[in-house]
């Protein structure tokens, strides 16, 4: 199935951080994104979450991811925040509660086709006993 999505990634960059390191960390999670540096932030755009999905599978956090995706869903869009510190280690860690001192990686996904539910099922399929349930 073909999916049509627009992924927007926004990462604050503090004065104390090395921009190249922040960029490397975010690119480790979203290698398919194209980034540009703005004033005090890094902005990225992608049209796929394939690598991110692989990380979710590898880390076995599909249920957590689904919960985060649906928790901040509005119409054809869902958003989530990731801890920047974990990204430096190439690890997906959803940011919940108080923001980290370095700020978070904010990701907004607009699903054009087919639907948010179908796309979330693709990126982070439902699980049973911790294993993805395939139809």
C-alpha atoms as a PDB file:
ATOM      1  CA  UNK A   1       0.000   0.000   0.000  1.00  0.00           C
ATOM      2  CA  UNK A   2       1.146   3.523  -0.737  1.00  0.00           C
ATOM      3  CA  UNK A   3       1.013   6.105   2.013  1.00  0.00           C
ATOM      4  CA  UNK A   4       0.945   9.841   1.481  1.00  0.00           C
ATOM      5  CA  UNK A   5       2.198  11.707   4.539  1.00  0.00           C
ATOM      6  CA  UNK A   6       3.934  14.964   5.353  1.00  0.00           C
ATOM      7  CA  UNK A   7       6.224  14.794   8.361  1.00  0.00           C
ATOM      8  CA  UNK A   8       7.373  18.044   9.958  1.00  0.00           C
ATOM      9  CA  UNK A   9      10.179  17.910  12.525  1.00  0.00           C
ATOM     10  CA  UNK A  10      11.138  20.908  14.667  1.00  0.00           C
ATOM     11  CA  UNK A  11      14.042  20.820  17.109  1.00  0.00           C
ATOM     12  CA  UNK A  12      15.160  23.726  19.297  1.00  0.00           C
ATOM     13  CA  UNK A  13      18.915  24.236  19.396  1.00  0.00           C
ATOM     14  CA  UNK A  14      20.293  25.821  22.559  1.00  0.00           C
ATOM     15  CA  UNK A  15      23.311  28.126  22.433  1.00  0.00           C
ATOM     16  CA  UNK A  16      25.273  25.537  24.431  1.00  0.00           C
ATOM     17  CA  UNK A  17      24.660  22.781  21.858  1.00  0.00           C
ATOM     18  CA  UNK A  18      26.718  21.912  18.812  1.00  0.00           C
ATOM     19  CA  UNK A  19      24.348  22.230  15.843  1.00  0.00           C
ATOM     20  CA  UNK A  20      26.020  19.416  13.899  1.00  0.00           C
ATOM     21  CA  UNK A  21      25.572  17.005  16.828  1.00  0.00           C
ATOM     22  CA  UNK A  22      21.889  17.884  17.162  1.00  0.00           C
ATOM     23  CA  UNK A  23      21.428  17.408  13.436  1.00  0.00           C
ATOM     24  CA  UNK A  24      23.234  14.023  13.534  1.00  0.00           C
ATOM     25  CA  UNK A  25      21.044  12.888  16.441  1.00  0.00           C
ATOM     26  CA  UNK A  26      17.806  13.808  14.689  1.00  0.00           C
ATOM     27  CA  UNK A  27      18.978  12.346  11.381  1.00  0.00           C
ATOM     28  CA  UNK A  28      19.673   9.065  13.206  1.00  0.00           C
ATOM     29  CA  UNK A  29      15.924   8.844  13.929  1.00  0.00           C
ATOM     30  CA  UNK A  30      14.714  10.380  10.658  1.00  0.00           C
ATOM     31  CA  UNK A  31      17.340   9.732   7.954  1.00  0.00           C
ATOM     32  CA  UNK A  32      14.803  10.300   5.173  1.00  0.00           C
ATOM     33  CA  UNK A  33      14.169  13.890   6.277  1.00  0.00           C
ATOM     34  CA  UNK A  34      15.675  16.978   4.675  1.00  0.00           C
ATOM     35  CA  UNK A  35      16.782  19.518   7.266  1.00  0.00           C
ATOM     36  CA  UNK A  36      17.537  23.203   7.287  1.00  0.00           C
ATOM     37  CA  UNK A  37      18.803  25.294  10.131  1.00  0.00           C
ATOM     38  CA  UNK A  38      16.855  28.326  11.224  1.00  0.00           C
ATOM     39  CA  UNK A  39      17.462  30.775  14.035  1.00  0.00           C
ATOM     40  CA  UNK A  40      17.750  28.644  17.172  1.00  0.00           C
ATOM     41  CA  UNK A  41      16.135  25.598  15.608  1.00  0.00           C
ATOM     42  CA  UNK A  42      16.428  22.813  13.118  1.00  0.00           C
ATOM     43  CA  UNK A  43      13.467  22.102  10.812  1.00  0.00           C
ATOM     44  CA  UNK A  44      13.010  18.931   8.866  1.00  0.00           C
ATOM     45  CA  UNK A  45      10.562  17.577   6.352  1.00  0.00           C
ATOM     46  CA  UNK A  46       9.982  13.980   5.304  1.00  0.00           C
ATOM     47  CA  UNK A  47       7.349  11.889   3.568  1.00  0.00           C
ATOM     48  CA  UNK A  48       7.964   8.610   5.346  1.00  0.00           C
ATOM     49  CA  UNK A  49       8.535   7.193   8.824  1.00  0.00           C
ATOM     50  CA  UNK A  50       9.989   3.880   7.622  1.00  0.00           C
ATOM     51  CA  UNK A  51      13.258   4.064   9.573  1.00  0.00           C
ATOM     52  CA  UNK A  52      11.468   5.418  12.649  1.00  0.00           C
ATOM     53  CA  UNK A  53       9.075   2.457  12.398  1.00  0.00           C
ATOM     54  CA  UNK A  54      12.048   0.048  12.294  1.00  0.00           C
ATOM     55  CA  UNK A  55      13.401   1.650  15.476  1.00  0.00           C
ATOM     56  CA  UNK A  56      10.021   1.219  17.193  1.00  0.00           C
ATOM     57  CA  UNK A  57      10.011  -2.463  16.212  1.00  0.00           C
ATOM     58  CA  UNK A  58      13.650  -2.980  17.282  1.00  0.00           C
ATOM     59  CA  UNK A  59      13.058  -1.314  20.659  1.00  0.00           C
ATOM     60  CA  UNK A  60       9.759  -3.186  21.063  1.00  0.00           C
ATOM     61  CA  UNK A  61       7.820  -0.033  21.950  1.00  0.00           C
ATOM     62  CA  UNK A  62       4.990  -0.324  19.429  1.00  0.00           C
ATOM     63  CA  UNK A  63       2.213  -0.055  22.048  1.00  0.00           C
ATOM     64  CA  UNK A  64       3.847   3.005  23.600  1.00  0.00           C
ATOM     65  CA  UNK A  65       4.183   4.601  20.169  1.00  0.00           C
ATOM     66  CA  UNK A  66       0.536   3.905  19.283  1.00  0.00           C
ATOM     67  CA  UNK A  67      -0.557   5.474  22.557  1.00  0.00           C
ATOM     68  CA  UNK A  68       1.499   8.593  21.861  1.00  0.00           C
ATOM     69  CA  UNK A  69       0.308   8.881  18.261  1.00  0.00           C
ATOM     70  CA  UNK A  70      -3.380   8.620  19.162  1.00  0.00           C
ATOM     71  CA  UNK A  71      -3.053  10.779  22.307  1.00  0.00           C
ATOM     72  CA  UNK A  72      -2.343  13.869  20.209  1.00  0.00           C
ATOM     73  CA  UNK A  73      -4.400  13.186  17.109  1.00  0.00           C
ATOM     74  CA  UNK A  74      -6.585  15.829  15.542  1.00  0.00           C
ATOM     75  CA  UNK A  75      -8.354  14.967  12.303  1.00  0.00           C
ATOM     76  CA  UNK A  76      -5.796  13.838   9.728  1.00  0.00           C
ATOM     77  CA  UNK A  77      -2.808  14.866  11.869  1.00  0.00           C
ATOM     78  CA  UNK A  78      -0.987  13.391  14.852  1.00  0.00           C
ATOM     79  CA  UNK A  79       1.920  14.815  16.814  1.00  0.00           C
ATOM     80  CA  UNK A  80       4.420  13.564  19.334  1.00  0.00           C
ATOM     81  CA  UNK A  81       7.530  14.734  21.142  1.00  0.00           C
ATOM     82  CA  UNK A  82      10.780  12.860  21.575  1.00  0.00           C
ATOM     83  CA  UNK A  83      13.563  13.346  24.083  1.00  0.00           C
ATOM     84  CA  UNK A  84      16.547  14.925  22.402  1.00  0.00           C
ATOM     85  CA  UNK A  85      19.013  13.356  24.849  1.00  0.00           C
ATOM     86  CA  UNK A  86      17.915   9.834  23.826  1.00  0.00           C
ATOM     87  CA  UNK A  87      18.204  10.757  20.146  1.00  0.00           C
ATOM     88  CA  UNK A  88      21.928  11.399  20.662  1.00  0.00           C
ATOM     89  CA  UNK A  89      22.144   7.657  21.438  1.00  0.00           C
ATOM     90  CA  UNK A  90      19.971   6.739  18.433  1.00  0.00           C
ATOM     91  CA  UNK A  91      17.150   5.726  20.762  1.00  0.00           C
ATOM     92  CA  UNK A  92      13.457   6.607  20.517  1.00  0.00           C
ATOM     93  CA  UNK A  93      12.171   7.937  23.841  1.00  0.00           C
ATOM     94  CA  UNK A  94       8.808   9.681  23.912  1.00  0.00           C
ATOM     95  CA  UNK A  95       8.725  12.879  25.929  1.00  0.00           C
ATOM     96  CA  UNK A  96       5.922  12.964  28.457  1.00  0.00           C
ATOM     97  CA  UNK A  97       5.592  15.244  31.450  1.00  0.00           C
ATOM     98  CA  UNK A  98       7.938  18.167  31.977  1.00  0.00           C
ATOM     99  CA  UNK A  99      10.146  19.147  29.028  1.00  0.00           C
ATOM    100  CA  UNK A 100      13.816  18.203  29.118  1.00  0.00           C
ATOM    101  CA  UNK A 101      16.362  20.938  29.623  1.00  0.00           C
ATOM    102  CA  UNK A 102      17.532  20.671  26.015  1.00  0.00           C
ATOM    103  CA  UNK A 103      14.016  20.853  24.639  1.00  0.00           C
ATOM    104  CA  UNK A 104      12.253  18.180  22.674  1.00  0.00           C
ATOM    105  CA  UNK A 105      12.064  16.979  19.117  1.00  0.00           C
ATOM    106  CA  UNK A 106       8.554  17.866  17.977  1.00  0.00           C
ATOM    107  CA  UNK A 107       7.111  15.742  15.181  1.00  0.00           C
ATOM    108  CA  UNK A 108       3.860  16.473  13.359  1.00  0.00           C
ATOM    109  CA  UNK A 109       2.501  13.989  10.819  1.00  0.00           C
ATOM    110  CA  UNK A 110      -0.245  14.910   8.379  1.00  0.00           C
ATOM    111  CA  UNK A 111      -1.736  11.840   6.708  1.00  0.00           C
ATOM    112  CA  UNK A 112      -3.149  12.513   3.261  1.00  0.00           C
ATOM    113  CA  UNK A 113      -3.871   8.913   2.303  1.00  0.00           C
ATOM    114  CA  UNK A 114      -5.279   6.542   3.427  1.00  0.00           C
ATOM    115  CA  UNK A 115      -6.161   7.463   7.067  1.00  0.00           C
ATOM    116  CA  UNK A 116      -4.388   8.225  10.341  1.00  0.00           C
ATOM    117  CA  UNK A 117      -5.487   4.865  11.769  1.00  0.00           C
ATOM    118  CA  UNK A 118      -4.201   2.916   8.756  1.00  0.00           C
ATOM    119  CA  UNK A 119      -0.888   4.794   8.771  1.00  0.00           C
ATOM    120  CA  UNK A 120      -0.375   4.295  12.509  1.00  0.00           C
ATOM    121  CA  UNK A 121      -1.121   0.580  12.002  1.00  0.00           C
ATOM    122  CA  UNK A 122       1.629   0.588   9.364  1.00  0.00           C
ATOM    123  CA  UNK A 123       4.234   2.445  11.447  1.00  0.00           C
ATOM    124  CA  UNK A 124       3.368   0.891  14.826  1.00  0.00           C
ATOM    125  CA  UNK A 125       1.088  -2.099  14.322  1.00  0.00           C
ATOM    126  CA  UNK A 126      -1.137  -3.353  17.127  1.00  0.00           C
ATOM    127  CA  UNK A 127       0.520  -6.050  19.216  1.00  0.00           C
ATOM    128  CA  UNK A 128      -0.464  -9.135  21.098  1.00  0.00           C
ATOM    129  CA  UNK A 129       1.917 -10.396  23.777  1.00  0.00           C
ATOM    130  CA  UNK A 130       4.390  -7.767  22.581  1.00  0.00           C
ATOM    131  CA  UNK A 131       4.473  -9.024  18.977  1.00  0.00           C
ATOM    132  CA  UNK A 132       2.960  -7.207  15.999  1.00  0.00           C
ATOM    133  CA  UNK A 133      -0.401  -8.610  14.958  1.00  0.00           C
ATOM    134  CA  UNK A 134      -0.544  -9.006  11.207  1.00  0.00           C
ATOM    135  CA  UNK A 135      -3.724  -9.555   9.307  1.00  0.00           C
END
